[in-house]
């Protein structure tokens, strides 16, 4: 894909918003904009947001705007869409996992279907790409009311992969191939600021992976 001169929308959470970067130009999509000569890198990243709709209101109301609600704000003339989310659904979401047959936003499976169907239909003929969540320090089961849940971050990653396969949406698998695992001490020091959000080096690594993926798409 020739991406020079293109307008690409980036839909995501705090990592897309740029939390952890030392400056806005250090965020992965801005690195790509500069390196590949994008006309515009549209930032639809909002910290704390999740793919699935929540049952209980969040401490910050902005967290309750789903990815699908924000996807509807992406200009229809965008040349491509990149989606990077799911870690907050695992980290502090209260929506159930659900089943592959679900088609509403009330479960994670259903919300992935609703989001991917909307993007596939709205941007038919244009690249729609998902990226899986990065590894995080607390990925083997979150603590709810003092009890570790059975669901791990990988369960959410697998659902994104599975649902994307149904819609034939390409997936850049950062969970498997980013080379960044914050549970490895040196990786945590180099690529992360807090075990979740990337450092400048982490954002540069994402930009490198995604830039090549888009270029070879």
N, C-alpha and C. Protein backbone atom coordinates (compact mmCIF):
# COMPACT_ATOMS: atom_id res chain seq x y z
N UNK A 1 0.85 -1.19 0.00
CA UNK A 1 0.00 0.00 0.00
C UNK A 1 0.89 1.25 0.00
N UNK A 2 0.62 2.14 -0.90
CA UNK A 2 1.32 3.42 -0.92
C UNK A 2 0.63 4.34 0.08
N UNK A 3 1.31 4.67 1.17
CA UNK A 3 0.66 5.45 2.22
C UNK A 3 1.04 6.94 2.20
N UNK A 4 2.01 7.30 1.39
CA UNK A 4 2.38 8.72 1.30
C UNK A 4 1.17 9.53 0.81
N UNK A 5 0.91 10.62 1.52
CA UNK A 5 -0.19 11.50 1.13
C UNK A 5 -1.56 11.04 1.59
N UNK A 6 -1.63 9.93 2.33
CA UNK A 6 -2.92 9.39 2.77
C UNK A 6 -3.33 9.97 4.13
N UNK A 7 -4.65 9.95 4.37
CA UNK A 7 -5.21 10.30 5.69
C UNK A 7 -5.60 9.00 6.37
N UNK A 8 -4.94 8.69 7.46
CA UNK A 8 -5.21 7.45 8.18
C UNK A 8 -5.76 7.78 9.56
N UNK A 9 -6.86 7.14 9.94
CA UNK A 9 -7.46 7.33 11.26
C UNK A 9 -6.97 6.24 12.20
N UNK A 10 -6.57 6.64 13.39
CA UNK A 10 -6.08 5.71 14.40
C UNK A 10 -7.05 5.73 15.58
N UNK A 11 -7.74 4.61 15.77
CA UNK A 11 -8.76 4.48 16.80
C UNK A 11 -8.21 3.64 17.95
N UNK A 12 -8.25 4.17 19.17
CA UNK A 12 -7.68 3.40 20.26
C UNK A 12 -7.92 4.01 21.62
N UNK A 13 -7.08 3.59 22.57
CA UNK A 13 -7.19 4.03 23.95
C UNK A 13 -6.02 4.95 24.31
N UNK A 14 -5.51 4.85 25.54
CA UNK A 14 -4.47 5.78 25.97
C UNK A 14 -3.16 5.61 25.21
N UNK A 15 -2.90 4.41 24.69
CA UNK A 15 -1.65 4.20 23.95
C UNK A 15 -1.72 4.92 22.61
N UNK A 16 -2.90 4.93 22.00
CA UNK A 16 -3.08 5.70 20.77
C UNK A 16 -3.13 7.19 21.09
N UNK A 17 -3.72 7.55 22.21
CA UNK A 17 -3.76 8.95 22.62
C UNK A 17 -2.34 9.49 22.84
N UNK A 18 -1.45 8.63 23.37
CA UNK A 18 -0.06 9.03 23.52
C UNK A 18 0.47 9.05 24.93
N UNK A 19 -0.24 8.43 25.88
CA UNK A 19 0.22 8.40 27.26
C UNK A 19 1.55 7.65 27.36
N UNK A 20 2.51 8.25 28.04
CA UNK A 20 3.83 7.66 28.19
C UNK A 20 4.87 8.26 27.28
N UNK A 21 4.44 8.88 26.19
CA UNK A 21 5.38 9.51 25.26
C UNK A 21 5.86 10.83 25.83
N UNK A 22 7.10 11.18 25.56
CA UNK A 22 7.66 12.42 26.10
C UNK A 22 7.16 13.65 25.35
N UNK A 23 6.61 13.47 24.16
CA UNK A 23 6.08 14.57 23.35
C UNK A 23 5.11 13.98 22.32
N UNK A 24 4.15 14.77 21.82
CA UNK A 24 3.18 14.26 20.86
C UNK A 24 3.81 13.63 19.62
N UNK A 25 4.92 14.17 19.17
CA UNK A 25 5.55 13.64 17.96
C UNK A 25 6.23 12.30 18.18
N UNK A 26 6.29 11.84 19.43
CA UNK A 26 6.90 10.55 19.74
C UNK A 26 5.89 9.41 19.71
N UNK A 27 4.59 9.71 19.58
CA UNK A 27 3.56 8.68 19.52
C UNK A 27 3.65 7.96 18.18
N UNK A 28 3.31 6.68 18.16
CA UNK A 28 3.59 5.85 16.98
C UNK A 28 2.99 6.38 15.69
N UNK A 29 1.77 6.91 15.73
CA UNK A 29 1.16 7.36 14.47
C UNK A 29 1.79 8.65 13.97
N UNK A 30 2.30 9.47 14.87
CA UNK A 30 2.98 10.69 14.43
C UNK A 30 4.37 10.38 13.87
N UNK A 31 5.00 9.35 14.39
CA UNK A 31 6.27 8.90 13.81
C UNK A 31 6.03 8.41 12.39
N UNK A 32 4.96 7.63 12.20
CA UNK A 32 4.61 7.14 10.87
C UNK A 32 4.25 8.29 9.94
N UNK A 33 3.49 9.26 10.44
CA UNK A 33 3.12 10.42 9.62
C UNK A 33 4.35 11.12 9.08
N UNK A 34 5.33 11.32 9.95
CA UNK A 34 6.55 12.02 9.55
C UNK A 34 7.41 11.16 8.62
N UNK A 35 7.60 9.90 8.96
CA UNK A 35 8.50 9.04 8.20
C UNK A 35 7.97 8.72 6.81
N UNK A 36 6.65 8.48 6.72
CA UNK A 36 6.07 8.02 5.46
C UNK A 36 5.34 9.12 4.70
N UNK A 37 5.32 10.32 5.23
CA UNK A 37 4.70 11.43 4.52
C UNK A 37 3.20 11.35 4.42
N UNK A 38 2.54 10.93 5.51
CA UNK A 38 1.09 10.94 5.52
C UNK A 38 0.57 12.36 5.39
N UNK A 39 -0.55 12.51 4.75
CA UNK A 39 -1.20 13.82 4.73
C UNK A 39 -1.70 14.17 6.12
N UNK A 40 -2.23 13.15 6.81
CA UNK A 40 -2.75 13.39 8.16
C UNK A 40 -2.85 12.07 8.91
N UNK A 41 -2.49 12.10 10.19
CA UNK A 41 -2.70 10.97 11.09
C UNK A 41 -3.75 11.42 12.09
N UNK A 42 -4.98 10.95 11.92
CA UNK A 42 -6.11 11.37 12.74
C UNK A 42 -6.12 10.57 14.03
N UNK A 43 -6.02 11.26 15.16
CA UNK A 43 -5.90 10.59 16.46
C UNK A 43 -7.27 10.47 17.12
N UNK A 44 -7.84 9.26 17.08
CA UNK A 44 -9.09 8.97 17.77
C UNK A 44 -8.82 8.09 18.99
N UNK A 45 -7.71 8.35 19.66
CA UNK A 45 -7.37 7.63 20.88
C UNK A 45 -7.83 8.40 22.10
N UNK A 46 -8.56 7.72 22.98
CA UNK A 46 -9.03 8.32 24.23
C UNK A 46 -8.68 7.37 25.37
N UNK A 47 -7.91 7.86 26.31
CA UNK A 47 -7.46 7.03 27.42
C UNK A 47 -8.61 6.43 28.22
N UNK A 48 -8.45 5.18 28.63
CA UNK A 48 -9.43 4.51 29.48
C UNK A 48 -10.58 3.85 28.74
N UNK A 49 -10.72 4.11 27.45
CA UNK A 49 -11.88 3.59 26.73
C UNK A 49 -11.72 2.11 26.37
N UNK A 50 -12.88 1.49 26.15
CA UNK A 50 -12.93 0.05 25.92
C UNK A 50 -13.77 -0.25 24.69
N UNK A 51 -13.62 -1.45 24.18
CA UNK A 51 -14.39 -1.86 23.01
C UNK A 51 -15.83 -2.17 23.39
N UNK A 52 -16.03 -2.88 24.49
CA UNK A 52 -17.36 -3.28 24.92
C UNK A 52 -18.02 -2.21 25.79
N UNK A 53 -19.36 -2.16 25.74
CA UNK A 53 -20.12 -1.27 26.60
C UNK A 53 -20.10 -1.81 28.03
N UNK A 54 -20.00 -0.90 28.99
CA UNK A 54 -19.89 -1.30 30.40
C UNK A 54 -21.26 -1.29 31.09
N UNK A 55 -21.36 -2.07 32.15
CA UNK A 55 -22.59 -2.13 32.93
C UNK A 55 -22.63 -1.02 33.98
N UNK A 56 -21.57 -0.90 34.76
CA UNK A 56 -21.50 0.14 35.78
C UNK A 56 -20.79 1.37 35.20
N UNK A 57 -21.26 2.55 35.60
CA UNK A 57 -20.62 3.78 35.13
C UNK A 57 -19.19 3.86 35.64
N UNK A 58 -18.29 4.35 34.81
CA UNK A 58 -16.88 4.46 35.18
C UNK A 58 -16.63 5.70 36.02
N UNK A 59 -15.49 5.72 36.70
CA UNK A 59 -15.13 6.87 37.51
C UNK A 59 -14.93 8.11 36.65
N UNK A 60 -14.55 7.91 35.40
CA UNK A 60 -14.42 9.00 34.44
C UNK A 60 -15.38 8.71 33.30
N UNK A 61 -16.36 9.57 33.08
CA UNK A 61 -17.42 9.29 32.10
C UNK A 61 -16.89 9.14 30.68
N UNK A 62 -15.73 9.74 30.38
CA UNK A 62 -15.19 9.62 29.02
C UNK A 62 -14.81 8.18 28.70
N UNK A 63 -14.53 7.36 29.74
CA UNK A 63 -14.16 5.97 29.51
C UNK A 63 -15.32 5.16 28.92
N UNK A 64 -16.54 5.65 29.09
CA UNK A 64 -17.71 4.86 28.70
C UNK A 64 -18.13 5.05 27.25
N UNK A 65 -17.41 5.87 26.51
CA UNK A 65 -17.66 5.97 25.07
C UNK A 65 -16.98 4.78 24.40
N UNK A 66 -17.76 3.91 23.79
CA UNK A 66 -17.19 2.71 23.19
C UNK A 66 -16.40 3.04 21.93
N UNK A 67 -15.61 2.08 21.51
CA UNK A 67 -14.86 2.25 20.27
C UNK A 67 -15.81 2.45 19.09
N UNK A 68 -16.93 1.73 19.08
CA UNK A 68 -17.87 1.86 17.97
C UNK A 68 -18.45 3.27 17.91
N UNK A 69 -18.78 3.85 19.06
CA UNK A 69 -19.30 5.22 19.07
C UNK A 69 -18.28 6.19 18.48
N UNK A 70 -17.02 5.99 18.80
CA UNK A 70 -15.98 6.87 18.27
C UNK A 70 -15.67 6.55 16.82
N UNK A 71 -15.81 5.29 16.42
CA UNK A 71 -15.58 4.92 15.02
C UNK A 71 -16.56 5.65 14.10
N UNK A 72 -17.74 5.91 14.61
CA UNK A 72 -18.75 6.61 13.80
C UNK A 72 -18.38 8.07 13.55
N UNK A 73 -17.39 8.58 14.30
CA UNK A 73 -16.94 9.95 14.12
C UNK A 73 -15.79 10.06 13.12
N UNK A 74 -15.25 8.92 12.69
CA UNK A 74 -14.14 8.94 11.73
C UNK A 74 -14.66 9.43 10.37
N UNK A 75 -14.00 10.39 9.76
CA UNK A 75 -14.46 10.88 8.46
C UNK A 75 -14.53 9.74 7.44
N UNK A 76 -15.60 9.74 6.68
CA UNK A 76 -15.82 8.65 5.71
C UNK A 76 -14.79 8.69 4.58
N UNK A 77 -14.12 9.83 4.41
CA UNK A 77 -13.13 9.92 3.34
C UNK A 77 -11.72 9.56 3.82
N UNK A 78 -11.60 9.05 5.05
CA UNK A 78 -10.29 8.56 5.50
C UNK A 78 -9.84 7.43 4.58
N UNK A 79 -8.55 7.36 4.32
CA UNK A 79 -8.03 6.36 3.38
C UNK A 79 -7.81 5.00 4.03
N UNK A 80 -7.70 4.97 5.35
CA UNK A 80 -7.48 3.71 6.06
C UNK A 80 -7.79 3.93 7.53
N UNK A 81 -8.06 2.83 8.25
CA UNK A 81 -8.34 2.89 9.68
C UNK A 81 -7.49 1.84 10.39
N UNK A 82 -6.83 2.24 11.47
CA UNK A 82 -6.06 1.33 12.29
C UNK A 82 -6.67 1.34 13.69
N UNK A 83 -7.01 0.16 14.21
CA UNK A 83 -7.66 0.03 15.52
C UNK A 83 -6.72 -0.69 16.47
N UNK A 84 -6.56 -0.12 17.67
CA UNK A 84 -5.62 -0.64 18.65
C UNK A 84 -6.30 -0.57 20.02
N UNK A 85 -6.90 -1.66 20.47
CA UNK A 85 -7.60 -1.64 21.74
C UNK A 85 -7.79 -3.02 22.32
N UNK A 86 -8.46 -3.06 23.46
CA UNK A 86 -8.76 -4.32 24.13
C UNK A 86 -8.11 -4.46 25.49
N UNK A 87 -7.00 -3.77 25.70
CA UNK A 87 -6.31 -3.93 26.98
C UNK A 87 -7.13 -3.38 28.14
N UNK A 88 -7.94 -2.34 27.91
CA UNK A 88 -8.78 -1.80 28.99
C UNK A 88 -9.99 -2.67 29.26
N UNK A 89 -10.48 -3.37 28.23
CA UNK A 89 -11.57 -4.33 28.46
C UNK A 89 -11.11 -5.40 29.44
N UNK A 90 -9.88 -5.83 29.26
CA UNK A 90 -9.29 -6.77 30.21
C UNK A 90 -8.99 -6.09 31.54
N UNK A 91 -8.36 -4.94 31.50
CA UNK A 91 -7.81 -4.32 32.70
C UNK A 91 -8.85 -3.82 33.68
N UNK A 92 -9.90 -3.14 33.20
CA UNK A 92 -10.90 -2.61 34.13
C UNK A 92 -12.31 -2.63 33.57
N UNK A 93 -12.55 -3.45 32.56
CA UNK A 93 -13.89 -3.57 32.01
C UNK A 93 -14.75 -4.54 32.81
N UNK A 94 -16.07 -4.32 32.80
CA UNK A 94 -16.95 -5.24 33.51
C UNK A 94 -17.89 -5.99 32.58
N UNK A 95 -17.75 -5.80 31.27
CA UNK A 95 -18.58 -6.55 30.32
C UNK A 95 -18.11 -8.00 30.26
N UNK A 96 -19.04 -8.96 30.18
CA UNK A 96 -18.63 -10.36 30.06
C UNK A 96 -17.97 -10.63 28.73
N UNK A 97 -17.23 -11.73 28.66
CA UNK A 97 -16.59 -12.14 27.41
C UNK A 97 -17.62 -12.42 26.33
N UNK A 98 -18.66 -13.16 26.68
CA UNK A 98 -19.69 -13.51 25.71
C UNK A 98 -19.30 -14.68 24.83
N UNK A 99 -19.98 -14.77 23.68
CA UNK A 99 -19.77 -15.88 22.75
C UNK A 99 -19.56 -15.34 21.34
N UNK A 100 -18.99 -16.17 20.49
CA UNK A 100 -18.73 -15.76 19.11
C UNK A 100 -20.01 -15.40 18.37
N UNK A 101 -21.14 -15.88 18.83
CA UNK A 101 -22.41 -15.61 18.16
C UNK A 101 -22.99 -14.24 18.52
N UNK A 102 -22.45 -13.59 19.55
CA UNK A 102 -22.98 -12.30 19.99
C UNK A 102 -22.76 -11.22 18.93
N UNK A 103 -23.72 -10.29 18.86
CA UNK A 103 -23.61 -9.20 17.89
C UNK A 103 -23.97 -7.85 18.49
N UNK A 104 -23.99 -7.74 19.81
CA UNK A 104 -24.26 -6.45 20.45
C UNK A 104 -23.05 -6.04 21.28
N UNK A 105 -23.04 -4.79 21.70
CA UNK A 105 -21.87 -4.24 22.42
C UNK A 105 -21.81 -4.64 23.89
N UNK A 106 -22.76 -5.43 24.36
CA UNK A 106 -22.82 -5.75 25.79
C UNK A 106 -21.83 -6.84 26.21
N UNK A 107 -21.23 -7.53 25.26
CA UNK A 107 -20.16 -8.49 25.58
C UNK A 107 -18.94 -8.13 24.74
N UNK A 108 -17.77 -8.62 25.16
CA UNK A 108 -16.57 -8.29 24.40
C UNK A 108 -16.61 -8.91 23.02
N UNK A 109 -17.04 -10.16 22.93
CA UNK A 109 -17.16 -10.80 21.62
C UNK A 109 -18.12 -10.00 20.72
N UNK A 110 -19.29 -9.68 21.27
CA UNK A 110 -20.29 -8.97 20.48
C UNK A 110 -19.82 -7.59 20.07
N UNK A 111 -19.13 -6.89 20.97
CA UNK A 111 -18.64 -5.55 20.65
C UNK A 111 -17.58 -5.59 19.56
N UNK A 112 -16.73 -6.62 19.58
CA UNK A 112 -15.74 -6.77 18.51
C UNK A 112 -16.44 -7.00 17.17
N UNK A 113 -17.49 -7.82 17.18
CA UNK A 113 -18.26 -8.02 15.95
C UNK A 113 -18.90 -6.73 15.48
N UNK A 114 -19.55 -6.00 16.39
CA UNK A 114 -20.23 -4.77 16.00
C UNK A 114 -19.26 -3.75 15.42
N UNK A 115 -18.10 -3.62 16.04
CA UNK A 115 -17.09 -2.67 15.58
C UNK A 115 -16.53 -3.08 14.23
N UNK A 116 -16.16 -4.33 14.10
CA UNK A 116 -15.54 -4.79 12.85
C UNK A 116 -16.54 -4.79 11.70
N UNK A 117 -17.80 -5.12 11.97
CA UNK A 117 -18.80 -5.08 10.91
C UNK A 117 -19.02 -3.65 10.42
N UNK A 118 -19.10 -2.71 11.37
CA UNK A 118 -19.29 -1.31 10.98
C UNK A 118 -18.12 -0.81 10.14
N UNK A 119 -16.92 -1.06 10.57
CA UNK A 119 -15.75 -0.57 9.84
C UNK A 119 -15.61 -1.25 8.49
N UNK A 120 -15.89 -2.55 8.44
CA UNK A 120 -15.79 -3.28 7.18
C UNK A 120 -16.79 -2.75 6.16
N UNK A 121 -18.00 -2.41 6.62
CA UNK A 121 -19.04 -1.91 5.73
C UNK A 121 -18.78 -0.46 5.34
N UNK A 122 -18.45 0.37 6.32
CA UNK A 122 -18.28 1.81 6.08
C UNK A 122 -17.06 2.10 5.22
N UNK A 123 -15.99 1.35 5.43
CA UNK A 123 -14.75 1.60 4.70
C UNK A 123 -14.43 0.46 3.73
N UNK A 124 -15.48 -0.10 3.16
CA UNK A 124 -15.32 -1.20 2.19
C UNK A 124 -14.39 -0.78 1.06
N UNK A 125 -13.42 -1.62 0.76
CA UNK A 125 -12.45 -1.32 -0.29
C UNK A 125 -11.24 -0.57 0.20
N UNK A 126 -11.27 -0.13 1.46
CA UNK A 126 -10.13 0.57 2.06
C UNK A 126 -9.54 -0.30 3.16
N UNK A 127 -8.25 -0.14 3.46
CA UNK A 127 -7.65 -0.94 4.52
C UNK A 127 -8.22 -0.63 5.91
N UNK A 128 -8.68 -1.65 6.59
CA UNK A 128 -9.05 -1.60 7.99
C UNK A 128 -8.16 -2.63 8.68
N UNK A 129 -7.35 -2.17 9.61
CA UNK A 129 -6.35 -3.04 10.25
C UNK A 129 -6.51 -2.97 11.77
N UNK A 130 -6.45 -4.12 12.41
CA UNK A 130 -6.47 -4.17 13.87
C UNK A 130 -5.07 -4.54 14.37
N UNK A 131 -4.72 -3.99 15.53
CA UNK A 131 -3.52 -4.41 16.23
C UNK A 131 -3.93 -5.01 17.56
N UNK A 132 -3.34 -6.14 17.93
CA UNK A 132 -3.67 -6.74 19.21
C UNK A 132 -3.01 -5.94 20.34
N UNK A 133 -3.55 -6.04 21.55
CA UNK A 133 -2.91 -5.38 22.69
C UNK A 133 -1.47 -5.85 22.88
N UNK A 134 -0.66 -4.97 23.42
CA UNK A 134 0.68 -5.34 23.85
C UNK A 134 0.59 -6.19 25.12
N UNK A 135 1.65 -6.91 25.41
CA UNK A 135 1.76 -7.53 26.73
C UNK A 135 1.74 -6.43 27.79
N UNK A 136 1.31 -6.78 29.00
CA UNK A 136 1.33 -5.84 30.11
C UNK A 136 1.77 -6.58 31.37
N UNK A 137 2.17 -5.83 32.37
CA UNK A 137 2.77 -6.44 33.56
C UNK A 137 1.80 -7.36 34.28
N UNK A 138 0.52 -6.98 34.31
CA UNK A 138 -0.50 -7.76 35.04
C UNK A 138 -1.44 -8.45 34.06
N UNK A 139 -0.92 -9.37 33.29
CA UNK A 139 -1.70 -9.93 32.19
C UNK A 139 -2.26 -11.33 32.45
N UNK A 140 -1.95 -11.92 33.60
CA UNK A 140 -2.36 -13.31 33.82
C UNK A 140 -3.61 -13.44 34.68
N UNK A 141 -4.41 -12.39 34.75
CA UNK A 141 -5.65 -12.40 35.52
C UNK A 141 -5.74 -11.17 36.38
N UNK A 142 -6.77 -10.34 36.14
CA UNK A 142 -6.91 -9.11 36.92
C UNK A 142 -7.55 -9.42 38.28
N UNK A 143 -7.37 -8.51 39.22
CA UNK A 143 -7.91 -8.67 40.57
C UNK A 143 -9.23 -7.91 40.67
N UNK A 144 -10.30 -8.61 41.00
CA UNK A 144 -11.62 -8.01 41.19
C UNK A 144 -12.10 -8.37 42.59
N UNK A 145 -12.32 -7.34 43.42
CA UNK A 145 -12.74 -7.56 44.81
C UNK A 145 -11.80 -8.51 45.54
N UNK A 146 -10.51 -8.35 45.26
CA UNK A 146 -9.50 -9.15 45.95
C UNK A 146 -9.31 -10.54 45.41
N UNK A 147 -10.03 -10.88 44.33
CA UNK A 147 -9.95 -12.23 43.76
C UNK A 147 -9.42 -12.14 42.34
N UNK A 148 -8.46 -12.99 42.00
CA UNK A 148 -7.93 -13.01 40.64
C UNK A 148 -8.92 -13.71 39.71
N UNK A 149 -9.25 -13.05 38.62
CA UNK A 149 -10.19 -13.63 37.66
C UNK A 149 -9.50 -14.70 36.82
N UNK A 150 -10.31 -15.55 36.22
CA UNK A 150 -9.77 -16.62 35.39
C UNK A 150 -9.33 -16.11 34.02
N UNK A 151 -9.95 -15.05 33.55
CA UNK A 151 -9.64 -14.54 32.22
C UNK A 151 -8.30 -13.80 32.21
N UNK A 152 -7.50 -14.08 31.20
CA UNK A 152 -6.22 -13.42 31.04
C UNK A 152 -6.28 -12.47 29.85
N UNK A 153 -5.27 -11.63 29.73
CA UNK A 153 -5.22 -10.73 28.58
C UNK A 153 -5.22 -11.52 27.27
N UNK A 154 -4.57 -12.66 27.26
CA UNK A 154 -4.51 -13.46 26.03
C UNK A 154 -5.90 -13.90 25.57
N UNK A 155 -6.83 -14.10 26.50
CA UNK A 155 -8.20 -14.45 26.11
C UNK A 155 -8.80 -13.34 25.25
N UNK A 156 -8.55 -12.10 25.62
CA UNK A 156 -9.08 -10.96 24.86
C UNK A 156 -8.35 -10.84 23.51
N UNK A 157 -7.07 -11.07 23.53
CA UNK A 157 -6.29 -11.05 22.29
C UNK A 157 -6.82 -12.10 21.32
N UNK A 158 -7.09 -13.29 21.82
CA UNK A 158 -7.58 -14.38 20.97
C UNK A 158 -8.94 -14.04 20.37
N UNK A 159 -9.78 -13.35 21.11
CA UNK A 159 -11.09 -12.96 20.58
C UNK A 159 -10.95 -11.94 19.46
N UNK A 160 -10.03 -10.99 19.61
CA UNK A 160 -9.78 -10.02 18.54
C UNK A 160 -9.30 -10.75 17.29
N UNK A 161 -8.36 -11.66 17.45
CA UNK A 161 -7.87 -12.43 16.31
C UNK A 161 -8.99 -13.23 15.65
N UNK A 162 -9.78 -13.91 16.47
CA UNK A 162 -10.84 -14.78 15.97
C UNK A 162 -11.90 -14.00 15.22
N UNK A 163 -12.34 -12.87 15.80
CA UNK A 163 -13.38 -12.06 15.16
C UNK A 163 -12.86 -11.42 13.89
N UNK A 164 -11.62 -10.94 13.90
CA UNK A 164 -11.03 -10.34 12.70
C UNK A 164 -10.96 -11.37 11.56
N UNK A 165 -10.67 -12.59 11.90
CA UNK A 165 -10.62 -13.65 10.87
C UNK A 165 -11.97 -13.80 10.19
N UNK A 166 -13.06 -13.70 10.97
CA UNK A 166 -14.41 -13.81 10.40
C UNK A 166 -14.66 -12.73 9.35
N UNK A 167 -14.18 -11.52 9.61
CA UNK A 167 -14.40 -10.41 8.67
C UNK A 167 -13.25 -10.25 7.67
N UNK A 168 -12.29 -11.17 7.71
CA UNK A 168 -11.12 -11.10 6.84
C UNK A 168 -10.36 -9.79 7.03
N UNK A 169 -10.31 -9.33 8.28
CA UNK A 169 -9.58 -8.11 8.62
C UNK A 169 -8.16 -8.49 9.00
N UNK A 170 -7.16 -7.87 8.41
CA UNK A 170 -5.77 -8.17 8.77
C UNK A 170 -5.44 -7.70 10.18
N UNK A 171 -4.61 -8.47 10.86
CA UNK A 171 -4.25 -8.18 12.25
C UNK A 171 -2.73 -8.13 12.38
N UNK A 172 -2.24 -7.02 12.89
CA UNK A 172 -0.83 -6.92 13.26
C UNK A 172 -0.74 -7.40 14.71
N UNK A 173 -0.16 -8.55 14.91
CA UNK A 173 -0.18 -9.21 16.21
C UNK A 173 0.98 -8.74 17.10
N UNK A 174 0.78 -7.61 17.75
CA UNK A 174 1.81 -7.07 18.63
C UNK A 174 1.99 -7.93 19.88
N UNK A 175 0.95 -8.62 20.29
CA UNK A 175 1.05 -9.49 21.45
C UNK A 175 2.07 -10.59 21.20
N UNK A 176 2.10 -11.08 19.96
CA UNK A 176 3.01 -12.18 19.62
C UNK A 176 4.34 -11.70 19.06
N UNK A 177 4.36 -10.50 18.43
CA UNK A 177 5.52 -10.17 17.62
C UNK A 177 6.12 -8.79 17.88
N UNK A 178 5.72 -8.10 18.95
CA UNK A 178 6.26 -6.76 19.17
C UNK A 178 7.69 -6.78 19.69
N UNK A 179 8.08 -7.88 20.32
CA UNK A 179 9.40 -7.93 20.94
C UNK A 179 9.46 -7.14 22.24
N UNK A 180 8.27 -6.89 22.84
CA UNK A 180 8.20 -6.10 24.07
C UNK A 180 7.35 -6.83 25.10
N UNK A 181 7.98 -7.25 26.17
CA UNK A 181 7.29 -7.98 27.24
C UNK A 181 7.71 -7.35 28.57
N UNK A 182 6.82 -6.56 29.20
CA UNK A 182 7.22 -5.85 30.42
C UNK A 182 7.52 -6.74 31.61
N UNK A 183 7.20 -8.03 31.51
CA UNK A 183 7.57 -8.95 32.59
C UNK A 183 9.01 -9.43 32.46
N UNK A 184 9.69 -8.99 31.39
CA UNK A 184 11.14 -9.16 31.27
C UNK A 184 11.77 -7.85 31.72
N UNK A 185 12.64 -7.90 32.70
CA UNK A 185 13.13 -6.69 33.36
C UNK A 185 13.70 -5.67 32.38
N UNK A 186 14.57 -6.10 31.49
CA UNK A 186 15.20 -5.17 30.55
C UNK A 186 14.18 -4.58 29.58
N UNK A 187 13.19 -5.37 29.19
CA UNK A 187 12.13 -4.84 28.33
C UNK A 187 11.34 -3.77 29.06
N UNK A 188 11.02 -4.04 30.32
CA UNK A 188 10.26 -3.06 31.11
C UNK A 188 11.00 -1.74 31.21
N UNK A 189 12.29 -1.81 31.40
CA UNK A 189 13.10 -0.60 31.54
C UNK A 189 13.23 0.16 30.23
N UNK A 190 13.32 -0.58 29.12
CA UNK A 190 13.57 0.06 27.83
C UNK A 190 12.30 0.51 27.12
N UNK A 191 11.26 -0.33 27.14
CA UNK A 191 10.10 -0.10 26.28
C UNK A 191 8.85 0.43 26.98
N UNK A 192 8.81 0.44 28.30
CA UNK A 192 7.60 0.83 29.02
C UNK A 192 7.91 1.87 30.10
N UNK A 193 6.88 2.65 30.42
CA UNK A 193 7.03 3.61 31.51
C UNK A 193 6.38 3.11 32.80
N UNK A 194 5.45 2.16 32.68
CA UNK A 194 4.72 1.71 33.87
C UNK A 194 4.22 0.27 33.78
N UNK A 195 4.79 -0.51 32.88
CA UNK A 195 4.32 -1.88 32.70
C UNK A 195 3.13 -2.01 31.78
N UNK A 196 2.61 -0.88 31.30
CA UNK A 196 1.46 -0.86 30.39
C UNK A 196 1.69 0.09 29.22
N UNK A 197 1.99 1.35 29.53
CA UNK A 197 2.15 2.34 28.47
C UNK A 197 3.59 2.35 27.95
N UNK A 198 3.75 2.46 26.65
CA UNK A 198 5.11 2.46 26.07
C UNK A 198 5.89 3.72 26.41
N UNK A 199 7.18 3.58 26.44
CA UNK A 199 8.10 4.72 26.48
C UNK A 199 8.30 5.19 25.04
N UNK A 200 9.13 6.19 24.86
CA UNK A 200 9.45 6.63 23.50
C UNK A 200 10.01 5.48 22.67
N UNK A 201 10.85 4.65 23.29
CA UNK A 201 11.42 3.50 22.57
C UNK A 201 10.33 2.50 22.21
N UNK A 202 9.36 2.34 23.10
CA UNK A 202 8.25 1.44 22.81
C UNK A 202 7.38 1.95 21.68
N UNK A 203 7.10 3.25 21.70
CA UNK A 203 6.31 3.83 20.61
C UNK A 203 7.07 3.72 19.28
N UNK A 204 8.37 3.91 19.32
CA UNK A 204 9.17 3.78 18.09
C UNK A 204 9.11 2.35 17.55
N UNK A 205 9.09 1.37 18.45
CA UNK A 205 9.00 -0.03 18.02
C UNK A 205 7.64 -0.31 17.38
N UNK A 206 6.57 0.22 17.96
CA UNK A 206 5.24 0.05 17.37
C UNK A 206 5.20 0.70 15.99
N UNK A 207 5.75 1.91 15.88
CA UNK A 207 5.76 2.62 14.60
C UNK A 207 6.53 1.83 13.54
N UNK A 208 7.63 1.23 13.94
CA UNK A 208 8.42 0.44 13.00
C UNK A 208 7.62 -0.75 12.49
N UNK A 209 6.97 -1.46 13.41
CA UNK A 209 6.18 -2.63 13.03
C UNK A 209 4.99 -2.23 12.15
N UNK A 210 4.24 -1.21 12.59
CA UNK A 210 3.06 -0.81 11.86
C UNK A 210 3.39 -0.17 10.52
N UNK A 211 4.42 0.65 10.49
CA UNK A 211 4.81 1.28 9.23
C UNK A 211 5.12 0.25 8.16
N UNK A 212 5.91 -0.77 8.52
CA UNK A 212 6.24 -1.82 7.55
C UNK A 212 5.00 -2.61 7.17
N UNK A 213 4.11 -2.83 8.14
CA UNK A 213 2.88 -3.58 7.87
C UNK A 213 2.00 -2.83 6.86
N UNK A 214 1.86 -1.53 7.08
CA UNK A 214 1.05 -0.73 6.16
C UNK A 214 1.70 -0.67 4.76
N UNK A 215 3.00 -0.50 4.75
CA UNK A 215 3.72 -0.38 3.49
C UNK A 215 3.62 -1.65 2.66
N UNK A 216 3.60 -2.80 3.35
CA UNK A 216 3.56 -4.09 2.65
C UNK A 216 2.16 -4.67 2.53
N UNK A 217 1.17 -3.89 2.95
CA UNK A 217 -0.20 -4.39 2.95
C UNK A 217 -0.71 -4.59 1.53
